[in-house]
């Protein structure tokens, strides 16, 4: 998801060095403007926090069922962003 958003932001002439910058741009440019729905922004935030835990929490474990649910949410996110890419092109 990070790279999908980064690609769209790059196409708009924007670049960010940190995940938090990409997250902020997602909300500013896409969620607040209504180009993507708030639920998609929430999904990104949830996965952003999960990624942070995975990177910085020693011996972290994730619930298998939650990960499966998140995978389904990522598929929805990708579909929505494909539509956004077509719109921007």
PDB file of N, CA and C in Angstrom:
ATOM      1  N   UNK A   1       0.819  -1.176   0.000  1.00  0.00           N
ATOM      2  CA  UNK A   1       0.000   0.000   0.000  1.00  0.00           C
ATOM      3  C   UNK A   1       0.871   1.252   0.000  1.00  0.00           C
ATOM      4  N   UNK A   2       1.925   1.224   0.789  1.00  0.00           N
ATOM      5  CA  UNK A   2       2.839   2.362   0.862  1.00  0.00           C
ATOM      6  C   UNK A   2       3.365   2.720  -0.516  1.00  0.00           C
ATOM      7  N   UNK A   3       3.777   1.710  -1.275  1.00  0.00           N
ATOM      8  CA  UNK A   3       4.358   1.978  -2.581  1.00  0.00           C
ATOM      9  C   UNK A   3       3.311   2.426  -3.594  1.00  0.00           C
ATOM     10  N   UNK A   4       2.096   1.956  -3.477  1.00  0.00           N
ATOM     11  CA  UNK A   4       1.013   2.414  -4.351  1.00  0.00           C
ATOM     12  C   UNK A   4       0.750   3.903  -4.129  1.00  0.00           C
ATOM     13  N   UNK A   5       0.678   4.294  -2.878  1.00  0.00           N
ATOM     14  CA  UNK A   5       0.448   5.704  -2.553  1.00  0.00           C
ATOM     15  C   UNK A   5       1.649   6.541  -2.977  1.00  0.00           C
ATOM     16  N   UNK A   6       2.843   6.039  -2.696  1.00  0.00           N
ATOM     17  CA  UNK A   6       4.057   6.756  -3.081  1.00  0.00           C
ATOM     18  C   UNK A   6       4.103   6.975  -4.588  1.00  0.00           C
ATOM     19  N   UNK A   7       3.712   5.976  -5.366  1.00  0.00           N
ATOM     20  CA  UNK A   7       3.715   6.105  -6.827  1.00  0.00           C
ATOM     21  C   UNK A   7       2.754   7.206  -7.284  1.00  0.00           C
ATOM     22  N   UNK A   8       1.573   7.238  -6.697  1.00  0.00           N
ATOM     23  CA  UNK A   8       0.605   8.266  -7.080  1.00  0.00           C
ATOM     24  C   UNK A   8       1.111   9.651  -6.679  1.00  0.00           C
ATOM     25  N   UNK A   9       1.678   9.756  -5.500  1.00  0.00           N
ATOM     26  CA  UNK A   9       2.210  11.045  -5.057  1.00  0.00           C
ATOM     27  C   UNK A   9       3.372  11.484  -5.945  1.00  0.00           C
ATOM     28  N   UNK A  10       4.204  10.544  -6.346  1.00  0.00           N
ATOM     29  CA  UNK A  10       5.314  10.852  -7.243  1.00  0.00           C
ATOM     30  C   UNK A  10       4.797  11.366  -8.580  1.00  0.00           C
ATOM     31  N   UNK A  11       3.741  10.722  -9.088  1.00  0.00           N
ATOM     32  CA  UNK A  11       3.129  11.167 -10.345  1.00  0.00           C
ATOM     33  C   UNK A  11       2.593  12.594 -10.225  1.00  0.00           C
ATOM     34  N   UNK A  12       2.214  12.982  -9.012  1.00  0.00           N
ATOM     35  CA  UNK A  12       1.739  14.345  -8.759  1.00  0.00           C
ATOM     36  C   UNK A  12       2.887  15.313  -8.501  1.00  0.00           C
ATOM     37  N   UNK A  13       4.130  14.801  -8.520  1.00  0.00           N
ATOM     38  CA  UNK A  13       5.290  15.655  -8.286  1.00  0.00           C
ATOM     39  C   UNK A  13       5.666  15.810  -6.820  1.00  0.00           C
ATOM     40  N   UNK A  14       5.150  14.945  -5.977  1.00  0.00           N
ATOM     41  CA  UNK A  14       5.442  15.008  -4.544  1.00  0.00           C
ATOM     42  C   UNK A  14       6.325  13.822  -4.148  1.00  0.00           C
ATOM     43  N   UNK A  15       7.182  14.036  -3.152  1.00  0.00           N
ATOM     44  CA  UNK A  15       7.962  12.918  -2.624  1.00  0.00           C
ATOM     45  C   UNK A  15       8.155  13.109  -1.124  1.00  0.00           C
ATOM     46  N   UNK A  16       8.237  11.981  -0.445  1.00  0.00           N
ATOM     47  CA  UNK A  16       8.365  11.987   1.009  1.00  0.00           C
ATOM     48  C   UNK A  16       9.417  10.975   1.408  1.00  0.00           C
ATOM     49  N   UNK A  17      10.129  11.253   2.484  1.00  0.00           N
ATOM     50  CA  UNK A  17      11.204  10.377   2.924  1.00  0.00           C
ATOM     51  C   UNK A  17      10.768   9.387   3.993  1.00  0.00           C
ATOM     52  N   UNK A  18       9.621   9.652   4.606  1.00  0.00           N
ATOM     53  CA  UNK A  18       9.180   8.807   5.718  1.00  0.00           C
ATOM     54  C   UNK A  18       7.767   8.288   5.475  1.00  0.00           C
ATOM     55  N   UNK A  19       7.482   7.156   6.092  1.00  0.00           N
ATOM     56  CA  UNK A  19       6.136   6.582   6.021  1.00  0.00           C
ATOM     57  C   UNK A  19       5.103   7.567   6.557  1.00  0.00           C
ATOM     58  N   UNK A  20       5.458   8.292   7.604  1.00  0.00           N
ATOM     59  CA  UNK A  20       4.508   9.236   8.203  1.00  0.00           C
ATOM     60  C   UNK A  20       4.159  10.362   7.233  1.00  0.00           C
ATOM     61  N   UNK A  21       5.095  10.783   6.393  1.00  0.00           N
ATOM     62  CA  UNK A  21       4.823  11.810   5.395  1.00  0.00           C
ATOM     63  C   UNK A  21       3.857  11.314   4.336  1.00  0.00           C
ATOM     64  N   UNK A  22       4.037  10.073   3.910  1.00  0.00           N
ATOM     65  CA  UNK A  22       3.135   9.471   2.926  1.00  0.00           C
ATOM     66  C   UNK A  22       1.747   9.335   3.530  1.00  0.00           C
ATOM     67  N   UNK A  23       1.685   8.917   4.779  1.00  0.00           N
ATOM     68  CA  UNK A  23       0.399   8.772   5.469  1.00  0.00           C
ATOM     69  C   UNK A  23      -0.319  10.113   5.552  1.00  0.00           C
ATOM     70  N   UNK A  24       0.398  11.151   5.935  1.00  0.00           N
ATOM     71  CA  UNK A  24      -0.203  12.483   6.032  1.00  0.00           C
ATOM     72  C   UNK A  24      -0.702  12.962   4.668  1.00  0.00           C
ATOM     73  N   UNK A  25       0.086  12.728   3.619  1.00  0.00           N
ATOM     74  CA  UNK A  25      -0.309  13.133   2.266  1.00  0.00           C
ATOM     75  C   UNK A  25      -1.541  12.357   1.799  1.00  0.00           C
ATOM     76  N   UNK A  26      -1.613  11.076   2.138  1.00  0.00           N
ATOM     77  CA  UNK A  26      -2.784  10.272   1.790  1.00  0.00           C
ATOM     78  C   UNK A  26      -4.045  10.914   2.348  1.00  0.00           C
ATOM     79  N   UNK A  27      -3.999  11.266   3.613  1.00  0.00           N
ATOM     80  CA  UNK A  27      -5.177  11.862   4.246  1.00  0.00           C
ATOM     81  C   UNK A  27      -5.463  13.257   3.697  1.00  0.00           C
ATOM     82  N   UNK A  28      -4.426  14.053   3.506  1.00  0.00           N
ATOM     83  CA  UNK A  28      -4.612  15.417   3.019  1.00  0.00           C
ATOM     84  C   UNK A  28      -5.128  15.444   1.574  1.00  0.00           C
ATOM     85  N   UNK A  29      -4.492  14.659   0.704  1.00  0.00           N
ATOM     86  CA  UNK A  29      -4.778  14.745  -0.728  1.00  0.00           C
ATOM     87  C   UNK A  29      -5.921  13.857  -1.198  1.00  0.00           C
ATOM     88  N   UNK A  30      -6.203  12.784  -0.463  1.00  0.00           N
ATOM     89  CA  UNK A  30      -7.173  11.817  -0.965  1.00  0.00           C
ATOM     90  C   UNK A  30      -8.366  11.590  -0.049  1.00  0.00           C
ATOM     91  N   UNK A  31      -8.132  11.461   1.248  1.00  0.00           N
ATOM     92  CA  UNK A  31      -9.260  11.207   2.163  1.00  0.00           C
ATOM     93  C   UNK A  31     -10.059  12.487   2.389  1.00  0.00           C
ATOM     94  N   UNK A  32      -9.385  13.559   2.774  1.00  0.00           N
ATOM     95  CA  UNK A  32     -10.091  14.806   3.079  1.00  0.00           C
ATOM     96  C   UNK A  32     -10.766  15.415   1.855  1.00  0.00           C
ATOM     97  N   UNK A  33     -10.247  15.129   0.675  1.00  0.00           N
ATOM     98  CA  UNK A  33     -10.844  15.662  -0.555  1.00  0.00           C
ATOM     99  C   UNK A  33     -11.947  14.764  -1.093  1.00  0.00           C
ATOM    100  N   UNK A  34     -12.121  13.582  -0.494  1.00  0.00           N
ATOM    101  CA  UNK A  34     -13.162  12.667  -0.926  1.00  0.00           C
ATOM    102  C   UNK A  34     -12.790  11.801  -2.125  1.00  0.00           C
ATOM    103  N   UNK A  35     -11.527  11.839  -2.538  1.00  0.00           N
ATOM    104  CA  UNK A  35     -11.102  11.000  -3.671  1.00  0.00           C
ATOM    105  C   UNK A  35     -11.064   9.526  -3.300  1.00  0.00           C
ATOM    106  N   UNK A  36     -10.825   9.256  -2.031  1.00  0.00           N
ATOM    107  CA  UNK A  36     -10.990   7.900  -1.500  1.00  0.00           C
ATOM    108  C   UNK A  36     -11.810   8.018  -0.217  1.00  0.00           C
ATOM    109  N   UNK A  37     -12.456   6.939   0.149  1.00  0.00           N
ATOM    110  CA  UNK A  37     -13.331   7.026   1.317  1.00  0.00           C
ATOM    111  C   UNK A  37     -12.545   6.950   2.631  1.00  0.00           C
ATOM    112  N   UNK A  38     -13.206   7.390   3.689  1.00  0.00           N
ATOM    113  CA  UNK A  38     -12.570   7.430   5.009  1.00  0.00           C
ATOM    114  C   UNK A  38     -12.171   6.039   5.487  1.00  0.00           C
ATOM    115  N   UNK A  39     -12.952   5.036   5.117  1.00  0.00           N
ATOM    116  CA  UNK A  39     -12.643   3.659   5.519  1.00  0.00           C
ATOM    117  C   UNK A  39     -11.288   3.225   4.950  1.00  0.00           C
ATOM    118  N   UNK A  40     -11.000   3.626   3.734  1.00  0.00           N
ATOM    119  CA  UNK A  40      -9.709   3.304   3.131  1.00  0.00           C
ATOM    120  C   UNK A  40      -8.584   3.971   3.909  1.00  0.00           C
ATOM    121  N   UNK A  41      -8.794   5.201   4.318  1.00  0.00           N
ATOM    122  CA  UNK A  41      -7.809   5.891   5.148  1.00  0.00           C
ATOM    123  C   UNK A  41      -7.617   5.194   6.482  1.00  0.00           C
ATOM    124  N   UNK A  42      -8.716   4.714   7.062  1.00  0.00           N
ATOM    125  CA  UNK A  42      -8.632   3.986   8.332  1.00  0.00           C
ATOM    126  C   UNK A  42      -7.839   2.696   8.166  1.00  0.00           C
ATOM    127  N   UNK A  43      -8.086   1.991   7.063  1.00  0.00           N
ATOM    128  CA  UNK A  43      -7.355   0.749   6.795  1.00  0.00           C
ATOM    129  C   UNK A  43      -5.857   1.035   6.697  1.00  0.00           C
ATOM    130  N   UNK A  44      -5.520   2.092   5.966  1.00  0.00           N
ATOM    131  CA  UNK A  44      -4.101   2.433   5.837  1.00  0.00           C
ATOM    132  C   UNK A  44      -3.506   2.725   7.217  1.00  0.00           C
ATOM    133  N   UNK A  45      -4.219   3.482   8.036  1.00  0.00           N
ATOM    134  CA  UNK A  45      -3.723   3.802   9.376  1.00  0.00           C
ATOM    135  C   UNK A  45      -3.505   2.544  10.210  1.00  0.00           C
ATOM    136  N   UNK A  46      -4.457   1.630  10.137  1.00  0.00           N
ATOM    137  CA  UNK A  46      -4.340   0.382  10.894  1.00  0.00           C
ATOM    138  C   UNK A  46      -3.092  -0.401  10.456  1.00  0.00           C
ATOM    139  N   UNK A  47      -2.906  -0.500   9.156  1.00  0.00           N
ATOM    140  CA  UNK A  47      -1.751  -1.242   8.654  1.00  0.00           C
ATOM    141  C   UNK A  47      -0.449  -0.488   8.893  1.00  0.00           C
ATOM    142  N   UNK A  48      -0.507   0.835   8.882  1.00  0.00           N
ATOM    143  CA  UNK A  48       0.654   1.657   9.218  1.00  0.00           C
ATOM    144  C   UNK A  48       1.113   1.328  10.635  1.00  0.00           C
ATOM    145  N   UNK A  49       0.160   1.255  11.564  1.00  0.00           N
ATOM    146  CA  UNK A  49       0.491   0.929  12.956  1.00  0.00           C
ATOM    147  C   UNK A  49       0.990  -0.507  13.096  1.00  0.00           C
ATOM    148  N   UNK A  50       0.408  -1.417  12.331  1.00  0.00           N
ATOM    149  CA  UNK A  50       0.853  -2.810  12.355  1.00  0.00           C
ATOM    150  C   UNK A  50       2.291  -2.926  11.855  1.00  0.00           C
ATOM    151  N   UNK A  51       2.589  -2.212  10.776  1.00  0.00           N
ATOM    152  CA  UNK A  51       3.950  -2.213  10.233  1.00  0.00           C
ATOM    153  C   UNK A  51       4.933  -1.666  11.274  1.00  0.00           C
ATOM    154  N   UNK A  52       4.529  -0.614  11.965  1.00  0.00           N
ATOM    155  CA  UNK A  52       5.388  -0.029  12.991  1.00  0.00           C
ATOM    156  C   UNK A  52       5.675  -1.053  14.094  1.00  0.00           C
ATOM    157  N   UNK A  53       4.629  -1.751  14.518  1.00  0.00           N
ATOM    158  CA  UNK A  53       4.818  -2.800  15.534  1.00  0.00           C
ATOM    159  C   UNK A  53       5.778  -3.871  15.035  1.00  0.00           C
ATOM    160  N   UNK A  54       5.580  -4.304  13.810  1.00  0.00           N
ATOM    161  CA  UNK A  54       6.412  -5.375  13.254  1.00  0.00           C
ATOM    162  C   UNK A  54       7.871  -4.952  13.170  1.00  0.00           C
ATOM    163  N   UNK A  55       8.098  -3.688  12.857  1.00  0.00           N
ATOM    164  CA  UNK A  55       9.477  -3.202  12.715  1.00  0.00           C
ATOM    165  C   UNK A  55      10.161  -2.926  14.053  1.00  0.00           C
ATOM    166  N   UNK A  56       9.403  -2.475  15.046  1.00  0.00           N
ATOM    167  CA  UNK A  56      10.036  -1.941  16.246  1.00  0.00           C
ATOM    168  C   UNK A  56       9.683  -2.631  17.556  1.00  0.00           C
ATOM    169  N   UNK A  57       8.786  -3.613  17.537  1.00  0.00           N
ATOM    170  CA  UNK A  57       8.431  -4.321  18.763  1.00  0.00           C
ATOM    171  C   UNK A  57       9.091  -5.699  18.742  1.00  0.00           C
ATOM    172  N   UNK A  58       9.971  -5.958  19.702  1.00  0.00           N
ATOM    173  CA  UNK A  58      10.625  -7.267  19.715  1.00  0.00           C
ATOM    174  C   UNK A  58       9.615  -8.400  19.938  1.00  0.00           C
ATOM    175  N   UNK A  59       9.772  -9.451  19.194  1.00  0.00           N
ATOM    176  CA  UNK A  59       8.989 -10.676  19.368  1.00  0.00           C
ATOM    177  C   UNK A  59       7.483 -10.458  19.251  1.00  0.00           C
ATOM    178  N   UNK A  60       7.076  -9.528  18.417  1.00  0.00           N
ATOM    179  CA  UNK A  60       5.652  -9.260  18.241  1.00  0.00           C
ATOM    180  C   UNK A  60       5.005 -10.434  17.504  1.00  0.00           C
ATOM    181  N   UNK A  61       3.770 -10.732  17.869  1.00  0.00           N
ATOM    182  CA  UNK A  61       2.998 -11.772  17.202  1.00  0.00           C
ATOM    183  C   UNK A  61       1.672 -11.172  16.768  1.00  0.00           C
ATOM    184  N   UNK A  62       1.172 -11.642  15.628  1.00  0.00           N
ATOM    185  CA  UNK A  62      -0.097 -11.151  15.116  1.00  0.00           C
ATOM    186  C   UNK A  62      -1.088 -12.294  15.028  1.00  0.00           C
ATOM    187  N   UNK A  63      -2.337 -11.967  15.304  1.00  0.00           N
ATOM    188  CA  UNK A  63      -3.410 -12.947  15.239  1.00  0.00           C
ATOM    189  C   UNK A  63      -3.675 -13.325  13.785  1.00  0.00           C
ATOM    190  N   UNK A  64      -3.687 -14.606  13.500  1.00  0.00           N
ATOM    191  CA  UNK A  64      -3.866 -15.121  12.145  1.00  0.00           C
ATOM    192  C   UNK A  64      -5.162 -14.612  11.512  1.00  0.00           C
ATOM    193  N   UNK A  65      -6.244 -14.600  12.267  1.00  0.00           N
ATOM    194  CA  UNK A  65      -7.535 -14.153  11.737  1.00  0.00           C
ATOM    195  C   UNK A  65      -7.527 -12.658  11.406  1.00  0.00           C
ATOM    196  N   UNK A  66      -6.855 -11.885  12.235  1.00  0.00           N
ATOM    197  CA  UNK A  66      -6.756 -10.447  11.983  1.00  0.00           C
ATOM    198  C   UNK A  66      -5.945 -10.201  10.707  1.00  0.00           C
ATOM    199  N   UNK A  67      -4.879 -10.938  10.532  1.00  0.00           N
ATOM    200  CA  UNK A  67      -4.044 -10.793   9.333  1.00  0.00           C
ATOM    201  C   UNK A  67      -4.850 -11.155   8.082  1.00  0.00           C
ATOM    202  N   UNK A  68      -5.655 -12.189   8.164  1.00  0.00           N
ATOM    203  CA  UNK A  68      -6.507 -12.568   7.029  1.00  0.00           C
ATOM    204  C   UNK A  68      -7.489 -11.440   6.696  1.00  0.00           C
ATOM    205  N   UNK A  69      -8.085 -10.852   7.710  1.00  0.00           N
ATOM    206  CA  UNK A  69      -9.013  -9.742   7.499  1.00  0.00           C
ATOM    207  C   UNK A  69      -8.291  -8.552   6.863  1.00  0.00           C
ATOM    208  N   UNK A  70      -7.087  -8.294   7.332  1.00  0.00           N
ATOM    209  CA  UNK A  70      -6.312  -7.187   6.775  1.00  0.00           C
ATOM    210  C   UNK A  70      -5.957  -7.445   5.313  1.00  0.00           C
ATOM    211  N   UNK A  71      -5.691  -8.689   4.955  1.00  0.00           N
ATOM    212  CA  UNK A  71      -5.387  -9.022   3.557  1.00  0.00           C
ATOM    213  C   UNK A  71      -6.579  -8.706   2.666  1.00  0.00           C
ATOM    214  N   UNK A  72      -7.770  -8.991   3.144  1.00  0.00           N
ATOM    215  CA  UNK A  72      -8.983  -8.674   2.382  1.00  0.00           C
ATOM    216  C   UNK A  72      -9.114  -7.155   2.234  1.00  0.00           C
ATOM    217  N   UNK A  73      -8.832  -6.436   3.291  1.00  0.00           N
ATOM    218  CA  UNK A  73      -8.906  -4.974   3.253  1.00  0.00           C
ATOM    219  C   UNK A  73      -7.886  -4.398   2.277  1.00  0.00           C
ATOM    220  N   UNK A  74      -6.712  -4.990   2.218  1.00  0.00           N
ATOM    221  CA  UNK A  74      -5.676  -4.529   1.284  1.00  0.00           C
ATOM    222  C   UNK A  74      -6.151  -4.717  -0.155  1.00  0.00           C
ATOM    223  N   UNK A  75      -6.811  -5.818  -0.430  1.00  0.00           N
ATOM    224  CA  UNK A  75      -7.350  -6.043  -1.777  1.00  0.00           C
ATOM    225  C   UNK A  75      -8.356  -4.948  -2.146  1.00  0.00           C
ATOM    226  N   UNK A  76      -9.198  -4.558  -1.214  1.00  0.00           N
ATOM    227  CA  UNK A  76     -10.149  -3.477  -1.457  1.00  0.00           C
ATOM    228  C   UNK A  76      -9.414  -2.161  -1.727  1.00  0.00           C
ATOM    229  N   UNK A  77      -8.396  -1.929  -0.934  1.00  0.00           N
ATOM    230  CA  UNK A  77      -7.581  -0.721  -1.078  1.00  0.00           C
ATOM    231  C   UNK A  77      -6.961  -0.663  -2.469  1.00  0.00           C
ATOM    232  N   UNK A  78      -6.401  -1.760  -2.911  1.00  0.00           N
ATOM    233  CA  UNK A  78      -5.758  -1.808  -4.221  1.00  0.00           C
ATOM    234  C   UNK A  78      -6.767  -1.533  -5.332  1.00  0.00           C
ATOM    235  N   UNK A  79      -7.953  -2.103  -5.235  1.00  0.00           N
ATOM    236  CA  UNK A  79      -8.991  -1.844  -6.235  1.00  0.00           C
ATOM    237  C   UNK A  79      -9.335  -0.357  -6.292  1.00  0.00           C
ATOM    238  N   UNK A  80      -9.488   0.250  -5.116  1.00  0.00           N
ATOM    239  CA  UNK A  80      -9.831   1.669  -5.076  1.00  0.00           C
ATOM    240  C   UNK A  80      -8.701   2.519  -5.660  1.00  0.00           C
ATOM    241  N   UNK A  81      -7.467   2.156  -5.361  1.00  0.00           N
ATOM    242  CA  UNK A  81      -6.351   2.935  -5.875  1.00  0.00           C
ATOM    243  C   UNK A  81      -6.133   2.728  -7.370  1.00  0.00           C
ATOM    244  N   UNK A  82      -6.490   1.579  -7.892  1.00  0.00           N
ATOM    245  CA  UNK A  82      -6.412   1.383  -9.347  1.00  0.00           C
ATOM    246  C   UNK A  82      -7.339   2.376 -10.050  1.00  0.00           C
ATOM    247  N   UNK A  83      -8.518   2.562  -9.498  1.00  0.00           N
ATOM    248  CA  UNK A  83      -9.459   3.525 -10.065  1.00  0.00           C
ATOM    249  C   UNK A  83      -8.903   4.943  -9.987  1.00  0.00           C
ATOM    250  N   UNK A  84      -8.241   5.244  -8.887  1.00  0.00           N
ATOM    251  CA  UNK A  84      -7.650   6.568  -8.713  1.00  0.00           C
ATOM    252  C   UNK A  84      -6.520   6.803  -9.718  1.00  0.00           C
ATOM    253  N   UNK A  85      -5.717   5.792  -9.973  1.00  0.00           N
ATOM    254  CA  UNK A  85      -4.637   5.917 -10.947  1.00  0.00           C
ATOM    255  C   UNK A  85      -5.209   6.202 -12.330  1.00  0.00           C
ATOM    256  N   UNK A  86      -6.240   5.486 -12.703  1.00  0.00           N
ATOM    257  CA  UNK A  86      -6.877   5.698 -14.006  1.00  0.00           C
ATOM    258  C   UNK A  86      -7.396   7.136 -14.097  1.00  0.00           C
ATOM    259  N   UNK A  87      -7.974   7.614 -13.015  1.00  0.00           N
ATOM    260  CA  UNK A  87      -8.505   8.972 -12.982  1.00  0.00           C
ATOM    261  C   UNK A  87      -7.380  10.004 -13.152  1.00  0.00           C
ATOM    262  N   UNK A  88      -6.248   9.764 -12.514  1.00  0.00           N
ATOM    263  CA  UNK A  88      -5.128  10.709 -12.574  1.00  0.00           C
ATOM    264  C   UNK A  88      -4.413  10.694 -13.921  1.00  0.00           C
ATOM    265  N   UNK A  89      -4.491   9.569 -14.620  1.00  0.00           N
ATOM    266  CA  UNK A  89      -3.823   9.474 -15.924  1.00  0.00           C
ATOM    267  C   UNK A  89      -4.715  10.106 -16.957  1.00  0.00           C
TER     268      UNK A  89
END
